[in-house]
Amino acid sequence: MAPHMTHFRMRARTGERQKVIDHFDLWQRGRRHQAAGFVRFVLCSNVNDPEEFMAYAMFADKKAYDANSNHPDQHLWYETLRSYLVSDPEWFDGTVEVQRMGQV
């Protein structure tokens, strides 16, 4: 099965920017270890609008992604994240067709 990725765009409420960043760090320290098939996530802020974020999360396959998405602890994590946002994130779910990595 091909890796599955979800991309999402979101905007922090005024004064909640750092809470968004910290909440992703919390996921990394906690939920990540419970999320079978998790590969990586990236959170970026817009250089021209630091209240706007884009993120992506990659899982080994859609089955692993769905298992994480449907986990009650993940739902609680999302509800807290959502409280820091102006509105629901804009989502794009997809199958990785091509992936290349260079040296950093």
PDB file of N, CA and C in Angstrom:
ATOM      1  N   MET A   1       0.835  -1.186   0.000  1.00  0.00           N
ATOM      2  CA  MET A   1       0.000   0.000   0.000  1.00  0.00           C
ATOM      3  C   MET A   1       0.880   1.249   0.000  1.00  0.00           C
ATOM      4  N   ALA A   2       0.394   2.285  -0.622  1.00  0.00           N
ATOM      5  CA  ALA A   2       1.130   3.544  -0.707  1.00  0.00           C
ATOM      6  C   ALA A   2       0.938   4.373   0.555  1.00  0.00           C
ATOM      7  N   PRO A   3       1.937   5.191   0.888  1.00  0.00           N
ATOM      8  CA  PRO A   3       1.775   6.092   2.027  1.00  0.00           C
ATOM      9  C   PRO A   3       0.590   7.033   1.823  1.00  0.00           C
ATOM     10  N   HIS A   4       0.000   7.432   2.931  1.00  0.00           N
ATOM     11  CA  HIS A   4      -1.131   8.360   2.914  1.00  0.00           C
ATOM     12  C   HIS A   4      -0.697   9.657   3.586  1.00  0.00           C
ATOM     13  N   MET A   5      -1.091  10.779   2.986  1.00  0.00           N
ATOM     14  CA  MET A   5      -0.783  12.087   3.566  1.00  0.00           C
ATOM     15  C   MET A   5      -2.044  12.899   3.692  1.00  0.00           C
ATOM     16  N   THR A   6      -2.092  13.684   4.738  1.00  0.00           N
ATOM     17  CA  THR A   6      -3.139  14.680   4.866  1.00  0.00           C
ATOM     18  C   THR A   6      -2.462  16.030   5.032  1.00  0.00           C
ATOM     19  N   HIS A   7      -2.913  16.985   4.241  1.00  0.00           N
ATOM     20  CA  HIS A   7      -2.430  18.362   4.335  1.00  0.00           C
ATOM     21  C   HIS A   7      -3.570  19.191   4.893  1.00  0.00           C
ATOM     22  N   PHE A   8      -3.245  20.154   5.705  1.00  0.00           N
ATOM     23  CA  PHE A   8      -4.300  21.023   6.207  1.00  0.00           C
ATOM     24  C   PHE A   8      -3.783  22.424   6.446  1.00  0.00           C
ATOM     25  N   ARG A   9      -4.662  23.364   6.130  1.00  0.00           N
ATOM     26  CA  ARG A   9      -4.386  24.793   6.284  1.00  0.00           C
ATOM     27  C   ARG A   9      -5.310  25.304   7.370  1.00  0.00           C
ATOM     28  N   MET A  10      -4.755  26.143   8.249  1.00  0.00           N
ATOM     29  CA  MET A  10      -5.553  26.641   9.369  1.00  0.00           C
ATOM     30  C   MET A  10      -5.045  28.006   9.793  1.00  0.00           C
ATOM     31  N   ARG A  11      -5.891  28.717  10.499  1.00  0.00           N
ATOM     32  CA  ARG A  11      -5.545  30.046  11.004  1.00  0.00           C
ATOM     33  C   ARG A  11      -5.793  30.078  12.502  1.00  0.00           C
ATOM     34  N   ALA A  12      -4.763  30.512  13.239  1.00  0.00           N
ATOM     35  CA  ALA A  12      -4.878  30.635  14.693  1.00  0.00           C
ATOM     36  C   ALA A  12      -5.716  31.859  15.050  1.00  0.00           C
ATOM     37  N   ARG A  13      -6.467  31.728  16.124  1.00  0.00           N
ATOM     38  CA  ARG A  13      -7.158  32.890  16.682  1.00  0.00           C
ATOM     39  C   ARG A  13      -6.093  33.889  17.143  1.00  0.00           C
ATOM     40  N   THR A  14      -6.451  35.152  17.184  1.00  0.00           N
ATOM     41  CA  THR A  14      -5.531  36.176  17.665  1.00  0.00           C
ATOM     42  C   THR A  14      -5.030  35.796  19.057  1.00  0.00           C
ATOM     43  N   GLY A  15      -3.724  35.787  19.225  1.00  0.00           N
ATOM     44  CA  GLY A  15      -3.115  35.464  20.504  1.00  0.00           C
ATOM     45  C   GLY A  15      -2.939  33.982  20.781  1.00  0.00           C
ATOM     46  N   GLU A  16      -3.352  33.109  19.855  1.00  0.00           N
ATOM     47  CA  GLU A  16      -3.292  31.660  20.088  1.00  0.00           C
ATOM     48  C   GLU A  16      -2.216  30.961  19.251  1.00  0.00           C
ATOM     49  N   ARG A  17      -1.415  31.719  18.533  1.00  0.00           N
ATOM     50  CA  ARG A  17      -0.410  31.147  17.636  1.00  0.00           C
ATOM     51  C   ARG A  17       0.507  30.154  18.358  1.00  0.00           C
ATOM     52  N   GLN A  18       1.075  30.564  19.473  1.00  0.00           N
ATOM     53  CA  GLN A  18       2.011  29.692  20.184  1.00  0.00           C
ATOM     54  C   GLN A  18       1.312  28.449  20.723  1.00  0.00           C
ATOM     55  N   LYS A  19       0.040  28.570  21.078  1.00  0.00           N
ATOM     56  CA  LYS A  19      -0.703  27.399  21.549  1.00  0.00           C
ATOM     57  C   LYS A  19      -0.833  26.356  20.442  1.00  0.00           C
ATOM     58  N   VAL A  20      -1.013  26.813  19.203  1.00  0.00           N
ATOM     59  CA  VAL A  20      -1.077  25.875  18.072  1.00  0.00           C
ATOM     60  C   VAL A  20       0.251  25.123  17.963  1.00  0.00           C
ATOM     61  N   ILE A  21       1.349  25.855  17.985  1.00  0.00           N
ATOM     62  CA  ILE A  21       2.677  25.242  17.875  1.00  0.00           C
ATOM     63  C   ILE A  21       2.909  24.268  19.030  1.00  0.00           C
ATOM     64  N   ASP A  22       2.612  24.707  20.235  1.00  0.00           N
ATOM     65  CA  ASP A  22       2.818  23.857  21.416  1.00  0.00           C
ATOM     66  C   ASP A  22       1.947  22.604  21.368  1.00  0.00           C
ATOM     67  N   HIS A  23       0.755  22.735  20.805  1.00  0.00           N
ATOM     68  CA  HIS A  23      -0.155  21.591  20.753  1.00  0.00           C
ATOM     69  C   HIS A  23       0.369  20.517  19.796  1.00  0.00           C
ATOM     70  N   PHE A  24       0.993  20.923  18.702  1.00  0.00           N
ATOM     71  CA  PHE A  24       1.621  19.947  17.810  1.00  0.00           C
ATOM     72  C   PHE A  24       2.813  19.287  18.497  1.00  0.00           C
ATOM     73  N   ASP A  25       3.551  20.055  19.276  1.00  0.00           N
ATOM     74  CA  ASP A  25       4.661  19.488  20.040  1.00  0.00           C
ATOM     75  C   ASP A  25       4.145  18.467  21.058  1.00  0.00           C
ATOM     76  N   LEU A  26       3.023  18.763  21.673  1.00  0.00           N
ATOM     77  CA  LEU A  26       2.393  17.828  22.608  1.00  0.00           C
ATOM     78  C   LEU A  26       2.042  16.511  21.905  1.00  0.00           C
ATOM     79  N   TRP A  27       1.500  16.607  20.681  1.00  0.00           N
ATOM     80  CA  TRP A  27       1.187  15.391  19.916  1.00  0.00           C
ATOM     81  C   TRP A  27       2.458  14.577  19.695  1.00  0.00           C
ATOM     82  N   GLN A  28       3.536  15.265  19.332  1.00  0.00           N
ATOM     83  CA  GLN A  28       4.807  14.590  19.062  1.00  0.00           C
ATOM     84  C   GLN A  28       5.301  13.838  20.299  1.00  0.00           C
ATOM     85  N   ARG A  29       5.145  14.427  21.464  1.00  0.00           N
ATOM     86  CA  ARG A  29       5.624  13.794  22.699  1.00  0.00           C
ATOM     87  C   ARG A  29       4.691  12.700  23.211  1.00  0.00           C
ATOM     88  N   GLY A  30       3.408  12.764  22.864  1.00  0.00           N
ATOM     89  CA  GLY A  30       2.439  11.827  23.427  1.00  0.00           C
ATOM     90  C   GLY A  30       1.804  10.898  22.415  1.00  0.00           C
ATOM     91  N   ARG A  31       0.898  11.420  21.612  1.00  0.00           N
ATOM     92  CA  ARG A  31       0.110  10.606  20.680  1.00  0.00           C
ATOM     93  C   ARG A  31       0.974   9.870  19.656  1.00  0.00           C
ATOM     94  N   ARG A  32       2.070  10.461  19.261  1.00  0.00           N
ATOM     95  CA  ARG A  32       2.911   9.850  18.223  1.00  0.00           C
ATOM     96  C   ARG A  32       3.237   8.395  18.553  1.00  0.00           C
ATOM     97  N   HIS A  33       3.481   8.116  19.806  1.00  0.00           N
ATOM     98  CA  HIS A  33       3.866   6.764  20.208  1.00  0.00           C
ATOM     99  C   HIS A  33       2.695   5.783  20.162  1.00  0.00           C
ATOM    100  N   GLN A  34       1.477   6.293  20.102  1.00  0.00           N
ATOM    101  CA  GLN A  34       0.284   5.449  20.024  1.00  0.00           C
ATOM    102  C   GLN A  34      -0.235   5.315  18.593  1.00  0.00           C
ATOM    103  N   ALA A  35       0.327   6.079  17.682  1.00  0.00           N
ATOM    104  CA  ALA A  35      -0.182   6.139  16.306  1.00  0.00           C
ATOM    105  C   ALA A  35       0.602   5.173  15.420  1.00  0.00           C
ATOM    106  N   ALA A  36       0.148   3.932  15.359  1.00  0.00           N
ATOM    107  CA  ALA A  36       0.813   2.928  14.522  1.00  0.00           C
ATOM    108  C   ALA A  36       0.823   3.392  13.071  1.00  0.00           C
ATOM    109  N   GLY A  37       1.963   3.240  12.421  1.00  0.00           N
ATOM    110  CA  GLY A  37       2.073   3.618  11.020  1.00  0.00           C
ATOM    111  C   GLY A  37       2.392   5.083  10.789  1.00  0.00           C
ATOM    112  N   PHE A  38       2.537   5.860  11.858  1.00  0.00           N
ATOM    113  CA  PHE A  38       2.890   7.273  11.705  1.00  0.00           C
ATOM    114  C   PHE A  38       4.308   7.370  11.159  1.00  0.00           C
ATOM    115  N   VAL A  39       4.502   8.250  10.162  1.00  0.00           N
ATOM    116  CA  VAL A  39       5.817   8.448   9.562  1.00  0.00           C
ATOM    117  C   VAL A  39       6.394   9.799   9.966  1.00  0.00           C
ATOM    118  N   ARG A  40       5.668  10.882   9.694  1.00  0.00           N
ATOM    119  CA  ARG A  40       6.179  12.218  10.032  1.00  0.00           C
ATOM    120  C   ARG A  40       5.073  13.248   9.935  1.00  0.00           C
ATOM    121  N   PHE A  41       5.326  14.400  10.539  1.00  0.00           N
ATOM    122  CA  PHE A  41       4.484  15.562  10.281  1.00  0.00           C
ATOM    123  C   PHE A  41       5.360  16.794  10.226  1.00  0.00           C
ATOM    124  N   VAL A  42       4.862  17.801   9.543  1.00  0.00           N
ATOM    125  CA  VAL A  42       5.532  19.089   9.421  1.00  0.00           C
ATOM    126  C   VAL A  42       4.484  20.163   9.653  1.00  0.00           C
ATOM    127  N   LEU A  43       4.836  21.152  10.450  1.00  0.00           N
ATOM    128  CA  LEU A  43       3.980  22.315  10.684  1.00  0.00           C
ATOM    129  C   LEU A  43       4.762  23.540  10.259  1.00  0.00           C
ATOM    130  N   CYS A  44       4.190  24.338   9.366  1.00  0.00           N
ATOM    131  CA  CYS A  44       4.837  25.551   8.866  1.00  0.00           C
ATOM    132  C   CYS A  44       3.924  26.743   9.086  1.00  0.00           C
ATOM    133  N   SER A  45       4.536  27.882   9.400  1.00  0.00           N
ATOM    134  CA  SER A  45       3.759  29.120   9.450  1.00  0.00           C
ATOM    135  C   SER A  45       4.091  29.945   8.213  1.00  0.00           C
ATOM    136  N   ASN A  46       3.135  30.725   7.776  1.00  0.00           N
ATOM    137  CA  ASN A  46       3.275  31.571   6.597  1.00  0.00           C
ATOM    138  C   ASN A  46       4.226  32.723   6.930  1.00  0.00           C
ATOM    139  N   VAL A  47       5.267  32.921   6.116  1.00  0.00           N
ATOM    140  CA  VAL A  47       6.237  33.989   6.390  1.00  0.00           C
ATOM    141  C   VAL A  47       5.602  35.371   6.311  1.00  0.00           C
ATOM    142  N   ASN A  48       4.524  35.508   5.548  1.00  0.00           N
ATOM    143  CA  ASN A  48       3.847  36.797   5.409  1.00  0.00           C
ATOM    144  C   ASN A  48       2.658  36.956   6.343  1.00  0.00           C
ATOM    145  N   ASP A  49       2.260  35.879   6.995  1.00  0.00           N
ATOM    146  CA  ASP A  49       1.095  35.900   7.884  1.00  0.00           C
ATOM    147  C   ASP A  49       1.281  34.803   8.932  1.00  0.00           C
ATOM    148  N   PRO A  50       2.017  35.085  10.014  1.00  0.00           N
ATOM    149  CA  PRO A  50       2.375  34.047  10.976  1.00  0.00           C
ATOM    150  C   PRO A  50       1.211  33.391  11.708  1.00  0.00           C
ATOM    151  N   GLU A  51       0.003  33.935  11.581  1.00  0.00           N
ATOM    152  CA  GLU A  51      -1.173  33.308  12.194  1.00  0.00           C
ATOM    153  C   GLU A  51      -1.714  32.162  11.328  1.00  0.00           C
ATOM    154  N   GLU A  52      -1.235  32.088  10.072  1.00  0.00           N
ATOM    155  CA  GLU A  52      -1.682  31.040   9.152  1.00  0.00           C
ATOM    156  C   GLU A  52      -0.661  29.903   9.148  1.00  0.00           C
ATOM    157  N   PHE A  53      -1.171  28.685   9.213  1.00  0.00           N
ATOM    158  CA  PHE A  53      -0.325  27.494   9.223  1.00  0.00           C
ATOM    159  C   PHE A  53      -0.741  26.540   8.112  1.00  0.00           C
ATOM    160  N   MET A  54       0.251  25.796   7.626  1.00  0.00           N
ATOM    161  CA  MET A  54       0.028  24.627   6.778  1.00  0.00           C
ATOM    162  C   MET A  54       0.734  23.480   7.482  1.00  0.00           C
ATOM    163  N   ALA A  55       0.123  22.324   7.444  1.00  0.00           N
ATOM    164  CA  ALA A  55       0.733  21.151   8.059  1.00  0.00           C
ATOM    165  C   ALA A  55       0.473  19.944   7.179  1.00  0.00           C
ATOM    166  N   TYR A  56       1.328  18.956   7.329  1.00  0.00           N
ATOM    167  CA  TYR A  56       1.020  17.672   6.712  1.00  0.00           C
ATOM    168  C   TYR A  56       1.440  16.570   7.659  1.00  0.00           C
ATOM    169  N   ALA A  57       0.726  15.493   7.581  1.00  0.00           N
ATOM    170  CA  ALA A  57       1.047  14.292   8.343  1.00  0.00           C
ATOM    171  C   ALA A  57       1.073  13.121   7.373  1.00  0.00           C
ATOM    172  N   MET A  58       2.072  12.280   7.521  1.00  0.00           N
ATOM    173  CA  MET A  58       2.203  11.106   6.655  1.00  0.00           C
ATOM    174  C   MET A  58       2.091   9.840   7.505  1.00  0.00           C
ATOM    175  N   PHE A  59       1.330   8.894   6.978  1.00  0.00           N
ATOM    176  CA  PHE A  59       1.178   7.581   7.596  1.00  0.00           C
ATOM    177  C   PHE A  59       1.558   6.514   6.579  1.00  0.00           C
ATOM    178  N   ALA A  60       1.892   5.335   7.066  1.00  0.00           N
ATOM    179  CA  ALA A  60       2.328   4.240   6.192  1.00  0.00           C
ATOM    180  C   ALA A  60       1.301   3.924   5.112  1.00  0.00           C
ATOM    181  N   ASP A  61       0.023   4.050   5.459  1.00  0.00           N
ATOM    182  CA  ASP A  61      -1.052   3.794   4.500  1.00  0.00           C
ATOM    183  C   ASP A  61      -2.347   4.392   5.045  1.00  0.00           C
ATOM    184  N   LYS A  62      -3.395   4.338   4.253  1.00  0.00           N
ATOM    185  CA  LYS A  62      -4.667   4.940   4.656  1.00  0.00           C
ATOM    186  C   LYS A  62      -5.268   4.226   5.861  1.00  0.00           C
ATOM    187  N   LYS A  63      -5.059   2.927   5.952  1.00  0.00           N
ATOM    188  CA  LYS A  63      -5.589   2.172   7.092  1.00  0.00           C
ATOM    189  C   LYS A  63      -4.996   2.699   8.406  1.00  0.00           C
ATOM    190  N   ALA A  64      -3.697   2.951   8.436  1.00  0.00           N
ATOM    191  CA  ALA A  64      -3.051   3.495   9.638  1.00  0.00           C
ATOM    192  C   ALA A  64      -3.554   4.905   9.927  1.00  0.00           C
ATOM    193  N   TYR A  65      -3.712   5.708   8.874  1.00  0.00           N
ATOM    194  CA  TYR A  65      -4.238   7.066   9.041  1.00  0.00           C
ATOM    195  C   TYR A  65      -5.646   7.025   9.630  1.00  0.00           C
ATOM    196  N   ASP A  66      -6.507   6.179   9.070  1.00  0.00           N
ATOM    197  CA  ASP A  66      -7.887   6.079   9.559  1.00  0.00           C
ATOM    198  C   ASP A  66      -7.933   5.603  11.006  1.00  0.00           C
ATOM    199  N   ALA A  67      -7.072   4.645  11.358  1.00  0.00           N
ATOM    200  CA  ALA A  67      -7.043   4.154  12.742  1.00  0.00           C
ATOM    201  C   ALA A  67      -6.685   5.284  13.697  1.00  0.00           C
ATOM    202  N   ASN A  68      -5.717   6.112  13.318  1.00  0.00           N
ATOM    203  CA  ASN A  68      -5.354   7.252  14.161  1.00  0.00           C
ATOM    204  C   ASN A  68      -6.488   8.267  14.215  1.00  0.00           C
ATOM    205  N   SER A  69      -7.057   8.581  13.070  1.00  0.00           N
ATOM    206  CA  SER A  69      -8.138   9.580  13.006  1.00  0.00           C
ATOM    207  C   SER A  69      -9.338   9.183  13.845  1.00  0.00           C
ATOM    208  N   ASN A  70      -9.604   7.892  13.924  1.00  0.00           N
ATOM    209  CA  ASN A  70     -10.782   7.404  14.646  1.00  0.00           C
ATOM    210  C   ASN A  70     -10.516   7.094  16.118  1.00  0.00           C
ATOM    211  N   HIS A  71      -9.302   7.303  16.568  1.00  0.00           N
ATOM    212  CA  HIS A  71      -8.957   7.021  17.966  1.00  0.00           C
ATOM    213  C   HIS A  71      -9.518   8.132  18.866  1.00  0.00           C
ATOM    214  N   PRO A  72     -10.154   7.780  19.978  1.00  0.00           N
ATOM    215  CA  PRO A  72     -10.741   8.799  20.868  1.00  0.00           C
ATOM    216  C   PRO A  72      -9.731   9.833  21.366  1.00  0.00           C
ATOM    217  N   ASP A  73      -8.489   9.420  21.646  1.00  0.00           N
ATOM    218  CA  ASP A  73      -7.482  10.384  22.104  1.00  0.00           C
ATOM    219  C   ASP A  73      -7.131  11.380  21.007  1.00  0.00           C
ATOM    220  N   GLN A  74      -7.125  10.918  19.756  1.00  0.00           N
ATOM    221  CA  GLN A  74      -6.863  11.828  18.641  1.00  0.00           C
ATOM    222  C   GLN A  74      -7.992  12.832  18.515  1.00  0.00           C
ATOM    223  N   HIS A  75      -9.214  12.385  18.719  1.00  0.00           N
ATOM    224  CA  HIS A  75     -10.360  13.295  18.654  1.00  0.00           C
ATOM    225  C   HIS A  75     -10.242  14.381  19.731  1.00  0.00           C
ATOM    226  N   LEU A  76      -9.859  14.003  20.934  1.00  0.00           N
ATOM    227  CA  LEU A  76      -9.675  14.992  22.006  1.00  0.00           C
ATOM    228  C   LEU A  76      -8.567  15.977  21.660  1.00  0.00           C
ATOM    229  N   TRP A  77      -7.462  15.465  21.094  1.00  0.00           N
ATOM    230  CA  TRP A  77      -6.367  16.343  20.683  1.00  0.00           C
ATOM    231  C   TRP A  77      -6.867  17.341  19.634  1.00  0.00           C
ATOM    232  N   TYR A  78      -7.618  16.846  18.655  1.00  0.00           N
ATOM    233  CA  TYR A  78      -8.135  17.722  17.603  1.00  0.00           C
ATOM    234  C   TYR A  78      -9.087  18.771  18.176  1.00  0.00           C
ATOM    235  N   GLU A  79      -9.963  18.389  19.071  1.00  0.00           N
ATOM    236  CA  GLU A  79     -10.917  19.349  19.649  1.00  0.00           C
ATOM    237  C   GLU A  79     -10.187  20.480  20.365  1.00  0.00           C
ATOM    238  N   THR A  80      -9.105  20.153  21.045  1.00  0.00           N
ATOM    239  CA  THR A  80      -8.314  21.205  21.692  1.00  0.00           C
ATOM    240  C   THR A  80      -7.661  22.093  20.642  1.00  0.00           C
ATOM    241  N   LEU A  81      -7.058  21.489  19.616  1.00  0.00           N
ATOM    242  CA  LEU A  81      -6.477  22.279  18.530  1.00  0.00           C
ATOM    243  C   LEU A  81      -7.524  23.204  17.936  1.00  0.00           C
ATOM    244  N   ARG A  82      -8.686  22.666  17.658  1.00  0.00           N
ATOM    245  CA  ARG A  82      -9.758  23.450  17.025  1.00  0.00           C
ATOM    246  C   ARG A  82     -10.128  24.677  17.858  1.00  0.00           C
ATOM    247  N   SER A  83     -10.009  24.579  19.179  1.00  0.00           N
ATOM    248  CA  SER A  83     -10.346  25.716  20.043  1.00  0.00           C
ATOM    249  C   SER A  83      -9.372  26.876  19.869  1.00  0.00           C
ATOM    250  N   TYR A  84      -8.205  26.619  19.301  1.00  0.00           N
ATOM    251  CA  TYR A  84      -7.212  27.669  19.054  1.00  0.00           C
ATOM    252  C   TYR A  84      -7.345  28.283  17.664  1.00  0.00           C
ATOM    253  N   LEU A  85      -8.258  27.756  16.857  1.00  0.00           N
ATOM    254  CA  LEU A  85      -8.365  28.166  15.453  1.00  0.00           C
ATOM    255  C   LEU A  85      -9.591  29.031  15.205  1.00  0.00           C
ATOM    256  N   VAL A  86      -9.501  29.862  14.181  1.00  0.00           N
ATOM    257  CA  VAL A  86     -10.609  30.718  13.761  1.00  0.00           C
ATOM    258  C   VAL A  86     -11.759  29.882  13.209  1.00  0.00           C
ATOM    259  N   SER A  87     -11.424  28.834  12.448  1.00  0.00           N
ATOM    260  CA  SER A  87     -12.437  27.974  11.830  1.00  0.00           C
ATOM    261  C   SER A  87     -11.835  26.587  11.633  1.00  0.00           C
ATOM    262  N   ASP A  88     -12.651  25.667  11.127  1.00  0.00           N
ATOM    263  CA  ASP A  88     -12.142  24.326  10.843  1.00  0.00           C
ATOM    264  C   ASP A  88     -11.012  24.407   9.821  1.00  0.00           C
ATOM    265  N   PRO A  89     -10.018  23.533   9.930  1.00  0.00           N
ATOM    266  CA  PRO A  89      -8.964  23.508   8.918  1.00  0.00           C
ATOM    267  C   PRO A  89      -9.531  23.137   7.545  1.00  0.00           C
ATOM    268  N   GLU A  90      -8.831  23.548   6.525  1.00  0.00           N
ATOM    269  CA  GLU A  90      -9.121  23.119   5.153  1.00  0.00           C
ATOM    270  C   GLU A  90      -8.247  21.886   4.910  1.00  0.00           C
ATOM    271  N   TRP A  91      -8.881  20.761   4.568  1.00  0.00           N
ATOM    272  CA  TRP A  91      -8.182  19.479   4.477  1.00  0.00           C
ATOM    273  C   TRP A  91      -7.969  19.040   3.031  1.00  0.00           C
ATOM    274  N   PHE A  92      -6.883  18.335   2.816  1.00  0.00           N
ATOM    275  CA  PHE A  92      -6.625  17.639   1.558  1.00  0.00           C
ATOM    276  C   PHE A  92      -5.991  16.306   1.930  1.00  0.00           C
ATOM    277  N   ASP A  93      -6.675  15.217   1.653  1.00  0.00           N
ATOM    278  CA  ASP A  93      -6.147  13.876   1.908  1.00  0.00           C
ATOM    279  C   ASP A  93      -5.715  13.268   0.591  1.00  0.00           C
ATOM    280  N   GLY A  94      -4.566  12.605   0.597  1.00  0.00           N
ATOM    281  CA  GLY A  94      -4.099  12.039  -0.655  1.00  0.00           C
ATOM    282  C   GLY A  94      -3.177  10.850  -0.483  1.00  0.00           C
ATOM    283  N   THR A  95      -3.005  10.135  -1.575  1.00  0.00           N
ATOM    284  CA  THR A  95      -2.076   9.018  -1.664  1.00  0.00           C
ATOM    285  C   THR A  95      -0.777   9.540  -2.252  1.00  0.00           C
ATOM    286  N   VAL A  96       0.340   9.185  -1.653  1.00  0.00           N
ATOM    287  CA  VAL A  96       1.639   9.621  -2.164  1.00  0.00           C
ATOM    288  C   VAL A  96       1.923   8.852  -3.450  1.00  0.00           C
ATOM    289  N   GLU A  97       2.071   9.578  -4.539  1.00  0.00           N
ATOM    290  CA  GLU A  97       2.353   8.977  -5.842  1.00  0.00           C
ATOM    291  C   GLU A  97       3.852   8.976  -6.139  1.00  0.00           C
ATOM    292  N   VAL A  98       4.541  10.058  -5.802  1.00  0.00           N
ATOM    293  CA  VAL A  98       5.983  10.171  -6.011  1.00  0.00           C
ATOM    294  C   VAL A  98       6.553  10.892  -4.796  1.00  0.00           C
ATOM    295  N   GLN A  99       7.695  10.409  -4.323  1.00  0.00           N
ATOM    296  CA  GLN A  99       8.351  11.060  -3.192  1.00  0.00           C
ATOM    297  C   GLN A  99       9.854  11.013  -3.423  1.00  0.00           C
ATOM    298  N   ARG A 100      10.492  12.136  -3.338  1.00  0.00           N
ATOM    299  CA  ARG A 100      11.950  12.213  -3.477  1.00  0.00           C
ATOM    300  C   ARG A 100      12.476  13.068  -2.335  1.00  0.00           C
ATOM    301  N   MET A 101      13.617  12.690  -1.824  1.00  0.00           N
ATOM    302  CA  MET A 101      14.241  13.474  -0.767  1.00  0.00           C
ATOM    303  C   MET A 101      15.659  13.814  -1.185  1.00  0.00           C
ATOM    304  N   GLY A 102      16.042  15.027  -0.870  1.00  0.00           N
ATOM    305  CA  GLY A 102      17.414  15.453  -1.091  1.00  0.00           C
ATOM    306  C   GLY A 102      18.128  15.551   0.239  1.00  0.00           C
ATOM    307  N   GLN A 103      19.351  15.964   0.185  1.00  0.00           N
ATOM    308  CA  GLN A 103      20.109  16.163   1.413  1.00  0.00           C
ATOM    309  C   GLN A 103      19.819  17.541   1.966  1.00  0.00           C
ATOM    310  N   VAL A 104      19.788  17.617   3.281  1.00  0.00           N
ATOM    311  CA  VAL A 104      19.526  18.901   3.941  1.00  0.00           C
ATOM    312  C   VAL A 104      20.836  19.533   4.313  1.00  0.00           C
TER     313      VAL A 104
END
